[in-house]
Structures are given as structure tokens and as C-alpha cells.
Amino acid sequence: MNRALLLDFGGTLAIERSSRASIYAAAAARYGVEVSPALMSGLMSETHASLPLTIPTAQGPAFRYSRGWFERFIGIIFADRLGLSSRDATLAQEHLFSVYEDAGTFRLFPGAAELIDRAKTGGWQVGVVSNWSYALEALLGDLGLRPDAVLCSAVEEAEKPSEVLFLRALERLGARAKGSLHVGDSFDNDVVGARSVGVEPVLLERSGPGTRRDVRSVRCLTEIRL
């Protein structure tokens, strides 16, 4: 069987050019509500914490980061908390969906495309495994990234650190856990999740190695040796 290089997306391969809170604050300003990014960040955190993994909707259960889940998330922030009309809150939803489907919203970290190309040239199967929305696969393509498989939590209805995403990735790539790697910037999601299925984790710590010494770590994608 093959070896797999599994990669997280947000914070690992790419990041928003402006902070998420700034993007949401700018969306509120479009509809006449001025709110600081700091205040918006707090509203987003509170709302995220208040919503369960799966919520009921008129169209059926909606898993976290699916369109239905985000409609509820954005609706709470913009209508319930900021006081936008139902019409404007819906317009804000559509605006934010379009922003997060636009590759221009993101910038790739140095070495992202090169790492994928280098891995594939070296005979590795490459998968992106991320807690992200339905837009991930198209977004990767628009950013010029061509992994062999894409598994996002909203579509798979499972999220890291659950072993489900990792096991599905290995299965779809025809890869074994032993000898495979997973690179991500979250200890709780990426390191714990990868280890649960026997994949070696690589923790991305851009600010420099932290206090943990029980995991292989790198400061940037260009440091990863395959």
C-alpha cells in the first residue's frame, strides 16, 4: 500500500488575508452596522460555542460548517445579536458564502504548493483533511493545489480529532497508516487525531517550537522532509 501525506487546510496550507472577525465585521458594515473586529470575534466565539455539532433545520439535520449550519451561525450573529433585519441578515449570509468560496480571500503559505508537488513526485498520495465547509475542494483547485483526495468535515459529517476523517482519507488514498504523515497547526485536532489511527503527526508551530517535546514539529512547510 501507499504512504500518504495528509494536510490540514486553514492555518496550515492557507489563511485568510484578513482575519475572520474583520471579514465578518466588514460584512456587517455593508448593512449599516459598525462593529469592531474584537467585538465581532467575541460574538463569533460565543455563537460557535452555543451551537451543537448538528443542528435541526427545515431541510434536515445540518452538520457543523455545512451551509445550513452556517446560515444559523450567521443569522444569530447578524440578526439576533446585531439587530439586522431578516432581509439584510440573509444578504449578509450570501455575501459571506461568496467571500469564503473566493480563492482571493486566502493566501497560501510559502511552500504549500511545492510540498504537495514534491510529495506526489516522490510517490506519496496526498490528501487534505480539514474541519472546513463544503467549499473546500473547489477552493483548493482555485488556489492551484491538486491533492489526490479532499476530506472536509462538512461533507463527511465528521471532524478532527475524530479518527473517522483520517481513516477515510487513508482508505480513499489506498494508503497505510504506518509511514504516513499528517501535518497541521493544532495539537488537539491534528496531532491527537493522527495518532489515534497510527499516522505520525507533524505539528506546524510558526512562532517557533513550544513547550511540547513529544511531537515532531516544524516552523514552516519548507522544513518538512519526506
Protein backbone atom coordinates (compact mmCIF):
# COMPACT_ATOMS: atom_id res chain seq x y z
CA MET A 1 0.00 0.00 0.00
CA ASN A 2 0.98 3.63 -0.45
CA ARG A 3 2.21 6.20 2.01
CA ALA A 4 0.02 9.22 2.48
CA LEU A 5 0.82 12.82 3.26
CA LEU A 6 -2.25 14.28 4.93
CA LEU A 7 -2.53 18.04 5.30
CA ASP A 8 -4.76 20.39 7.24
CA PHE A 9 -6.01 23.44 5.31
CA GLY A 10 -6.76 26.53 7.41
CA GLY A 11 -3.68 27.76 9.24
CA THR A 12 -1.54 25.10 7.57
CA LEU A 13 -1.75 25.44 3.79
CA ALA A 14 -3.53 28.79 3.65
CA ILE A 15 -5.03 31.57 5.74
CA GLU A 16 -7.47 34.42 5.20
CA ARG A 17 -5.80 37.64 4.05
CA SER A 18 -7.85 39.47 6.69
CA SER A 19 -8.88 37.92 9.98
CA ARG A 20 -12.23 36.13 10.08
CA ALA A 21 -13.52 38.66 12.56
CA SER A 22 -12.51 41.50 10.22
CA ILE A 23 -14.28 39.81 7.31
CA TYR A 24 -17.46 39.42 9.34
CA ALA A 25 -17.21 42.99 10.66
CA ALA A 26 -16.87 44.29 7.10
CA ALA A 27 -19.98 42.32 6.13
CA ALA A 28 -21.92 43.94 8.97
CA ALA A 29 -20.76 47.38 7.83
CA ARG A 30 -22.23 46.70 4.36
CA TYR A 31 -25.64 46.70 6.03
CA GLY A 32 -25.14 49.71 8.27
CA VAL A 33 -23.84 48.13 11.49
CA GLU A 34 -20.39 49.18 12.66
CA VAL A 35 -18.74 46.66 14.95
CA SER A 36 -15.07 46.29 15.79
CA PRO A 37 -13.24 43.10 14.81
CA ALA A 38 -12.56 42.49 18.52
CA LEU A 39 -16.26 42.60 19.37
CA MET A 40 -17.12 40.51 16.33
CA SER A 41 -14.53 37.93 17.38
CA GLY A 42 -16.28 37.60 20.73
CA LEU A 43 -19.70 37.24 19.09
CA MET A 44 -18.36 34.58 16.75
CA SER A 45 -16.75 32.60 19.57
CA GLU A 46 -19.87 32.76 21.72
CA THR A 47 -22.13 31.72 18.87
CA HIS A 48 -19.86 28.89 17.80
CA ALA A 49 -19.81 27.55 21.35
CA SER A 50 -23.59 27.76 21.61
CA LEU A 51 -24.31 25.64 18.55
CA PRO A 52 -24.08 21.83 18.74
CA LEU A 53 -22.25 19.71 16.20
CA THR A 54 -25.51 19.01 14.35
CA ILE A 55 -28.48 21.37 14.33
CA PRO A 56 -32.04 20.78 13.07
CA THR A 57 -33.12 22.80 10.04
CA ALA A 58 -36.15 22.79 7.74
CA GLN A 59 -34.06 20.80 5.25
CA GLY A 60 -32.97 18.25 7.85
CA PRO A 61 -30.00 17.92 10.22
CA ALA A 62 -27.10 20.23 9.37
CA PHE A 63 -23.58 19.26 10.44
CA ARG A 64 -21.12 21.92 11.58
CA TYR A 65 -19.77 24.10 8.72
CA SER A 66 -22.41 22.88 6.29
CA ARG A 67 -24.42 25.60 4.57
CA GLY A 68 -27.40 25.07 6.86
CA TRP A 69 -25.20 25.29 9.96
CA PHE A 70 -23.56 28.50 8.74
CA GLU A 71 -26.93 30.03 7.92
CA ARG A 72 -27.90 29.57 11.56
CA PHE A 73 -24.49 30.77 12.78
CA ILE A 74 -24.58 33.94 10.69
CA GLY A 75 -28.24 34.53 11.45
CA ILE A 76 -27.64 34.51 15.19
CA ILE A 77 -24.77 36.98 14.91
CA PHE A 78 -26.26 39.38 12.39
CA ALA A 79 -29.98 39.25 13.20
CA ASP A 80 -30.20 38.21 16.83
CA ARG A 81 -27.11 39.92 18.20
CA LEU A 82 -26.51 42.86 15.85
CA GLY A 83 -30.13 43.59 15.01
CA LEU A 84 -30.10 43.38 11.23
CA SER A 85 -33.44 42.82 9.53
CA SER A 86 -34.21 39.32 8.31
CA ARG A 87 -33.64 40.51 4.73
CA ASP A 88 -30.26 42.09 5.46
CA ALA A 89 -29.13 39.12 7.56
CA THR A 90 -29.92 36.85 4.61
CA LEU A 91 -27.99 39.16 2.27
CA ALA A 92 -25.07 39.10 4.69
CA GLN A 93 -25.17 35.29 4.63
CA GLU A 94 -24.96 35.20 0.86
CA HIS A 95 -22.16 37.75 0.87
CA LEU A 96 -20.11 35.73 3.37
CA PHE A 97 -20.70 32.49 1.47
CA SER A 98 -19.34 34.15 -1.68
CA VAL A 99 -16.34 35.55 0.20
CA TYR A 100 -15.40 32.14 1.54
CA GLU A 101 -15.81 30.50 -1.85
CA ASP A 102 -13.41 33.04 -3.39
CA ALA A 103 -9.77 31.98 -3.56
CA GLY A 104 -8.81 35.65 -3.42
CA THR A 105 -9.88 35.69 0.23
CA PHE A 106 -6.92 33.45 1.07
CA ARG A 107 -3.18 33.40 0.68
CA LEU A 108 -1.09 30.27 0.52
CA PHE A 109 1.71 29.85 3.00
CA PRO A 110 5.20 29.57 1.48
CA GLY A 111 5.93 26.07 0.31
CA ALA A 112 2.31 24.82 0.24
CA ALA A 113 2.08 24.03 -3.48
CA GLU A 114 5.70 22.88 -3.61
CA LEU A 115 5.16 20.42 -0.74
CA ILE A 116 2.22 18.79 -2.50
CA ASP A 117 4.11 18.59 -5.79
CA ARG A 118 7.22 17.23 -4.09
CA ALA A 119 5.22 14.58 -2.26
CA LYS A 120 3.41 13.42 -5.39
CA THR A 121 6.65 13.31 -7.36
CA GLY A 122 8.12 11.18 -4.59
CA GLY A 123 5.34 8.62 -4.81
CA TRP A 124 3.22 9.80 -1.89
CA GLN A 125 -0.56 10.01 -2.04
CA VAL A 126 -1.66 13.45 -0.86
CA GLY A 127 -4.88 14.22 0.96
CA VAL A 128 -6.26 17.38 2.54
CA VAL A 129 -8.12 16.58 5.76
CA SER A 130 -9.75 19.62 7.32
CA ASN A 131 -12.56 20.87 9.54
CA TRP A 132 -13.96 23.13 6.82
CA SER A 133 -17.00 23.97 4.75
CA TYR A 134 -18.42 22.34 1.62
CA ALA A 135 -16.41 24.85 -0.47
CA LEU A 136 -13.02 23.30 0.30
CA GLU A 137 -12.44 21.13 -2.76
CA ALA A 138 -13.26 23.88 -5.26
CA LEU A 139 -11.27 26.37 -3.22
CA LEU A 140 -8.17 24.17 -3.32
CA GLY A 141 -8.42 23.92 -7.08
CA ASP A 142 -8.78 27.68 -7.45
CA LEU A 143 -5.68 28.13 -5.27
CA GLY A 144 -3.76 25.83 -7.61
CA LEU A 145 -3.50 22.91 -5.20
CA ARG A 146 -4.15 19.42 -6.57
CA PRO A 147 -4.25 16.81 -3.79
CA ASP A 148 -5.36 13.27 -4.60
CA ALA A 149 -8.24 13.41 -2.12
CA VAL A 150 -10.09 16.08 -0.16
CA LEU A 151 -11.99 15.31 3.03
CA CYS A 152 -13.76 18.19 4.73
CA SER A 153 -15.82 17.85 7.86
CA ALA A 154 -18.96 19.49 6.49
CA VAL A 155 -19.25 16.93 3.69
CA GLU A 156 -18.05 13.90 5.64
CA GLU A 157 -20.14 14.82 8.71
CA ALA A 158 -17.21 14.03 10.95
CA GLU A 159 -14.45 16.28 12.19
CA LYS A 160 -10.99 16.11 13.66
CA PRO A 161 -9.80 14.89 16.09
CA SER A 162 -12.21 12.01 15.44
CA GLU A 163 -10.44 9.14 13.76
CA VAL A 164 -13.19 8.96 11.12
CA LEU A 165 -11.72 11.57 8.75
CA PHE A 166 -8.24 10.09 8.99
CA LEU A 167 -9.39 6.52 8.38
CA ARG A 168 -11.48 7.59 5.38
CA ALA A 169 -8.54 9.50 3.97
CA LEU A 170 -6.25 6.51 4.21
CA GLU A 171 -8.89 4.28 2.63
CA ARG A 172 -9.55 6.61 -0.29
CA LEU A 173 -5.85 7.06 -0.92
CA GLY A 174 -5.15 3.35 -0.64
CA ALA A 175 -2.54 4.13 1.99
CA ARG A 176 -1.37 2.51 5.19
CA ALA A 177 -1.10 4.41 8.45
CA LYS A 178 2.45 3.26 9.11
CA GLY A 179 4.84 5.50 7.21
CA SER A 180 2.19 8.15 6.55
CA LEU A 181 2.32 11.72 7.89
CA HIS A 182 -0.24 14.32 8.85
CA VAL A 183 0.73 18.00 9.03
CA GLY A 184 -1.38 20.51 10.94
CA ASP A 185 -1.20 23.51 13.23
CA SER A 186 -3.47 22.25 16.03
CA PHE A 187 -2.22 19.84 18.66
CA ASP A 188 -5.73 18.88 19.76
CA ASN A 189 -7.14 18.34 16.27
CA ASP A 190 -4.17 17.31 14.18
CA VAL A 191 -1.71 15.60 16.49
CA VAL A 192 -4.29 13.79 18.61
CA GLY A 193 -6.36 12.82 15.57
CA ALA A 194 -3.45 11.48 13.54
CA ARG A 195 -2.08 9.48 16.44
CA SER A 196 -5.46 7.87 17.03
CA VAL A 197 -5.09 5.96 13.75
CA GLY A 198 -1.33 5.37 13.86
CA VAL A 199 -0.30 8.18 11.48
CA GLU A 200 2.77 10.17 12.50
CA PRO A 201 1.84 13.81 13.20
CA VAL A 202 3.93 16.84 12.31
CA LEU A 203 2.96 19.93 14.28
CA LEU A 204 3.32 23.25 12.48
CA GLU A 205 4.44 25.89 15.00
CA ARG A 206 5.19 29.04 13.03
CA SER A 207 6.10 31.06 16.09
CA GLY A 208 8.76 28.51 16.98
CA PRO A 209 8.71 25.27 18.94
CA GLY A 210 6.59 25.47 22.08
CA THR A 211 6.92 23.60 25.32
CA ARG A 212 5.86 20.24 23.90
CA ARG A 213 8.67 17.87 23.09
CA ASP A 214 6.54 14.79 22.45
CA VAL A 215 5.82 15.53 18.79
CA ARG A 216 7.83 16.28 15.67
CA SER A 217 7.43 19.97 14.84
CA VAL A 218 8.42 22.40 12.10
CA ARG A 219 8.22 26.18 11.77
CA CYS A 220 7.23 26.23 8.10
CA LEU A 221 6.15 23.87 5.33
CA THR A 222 9.52 24.12 3.60
CA GLU A 223 11.13 22.37 6.60
CA ILE A 224 9.17 19.16 6.08
CA ARG A 225 11.35 16.29 4.96
CA LEU A 226 9.69 13.37 3.21
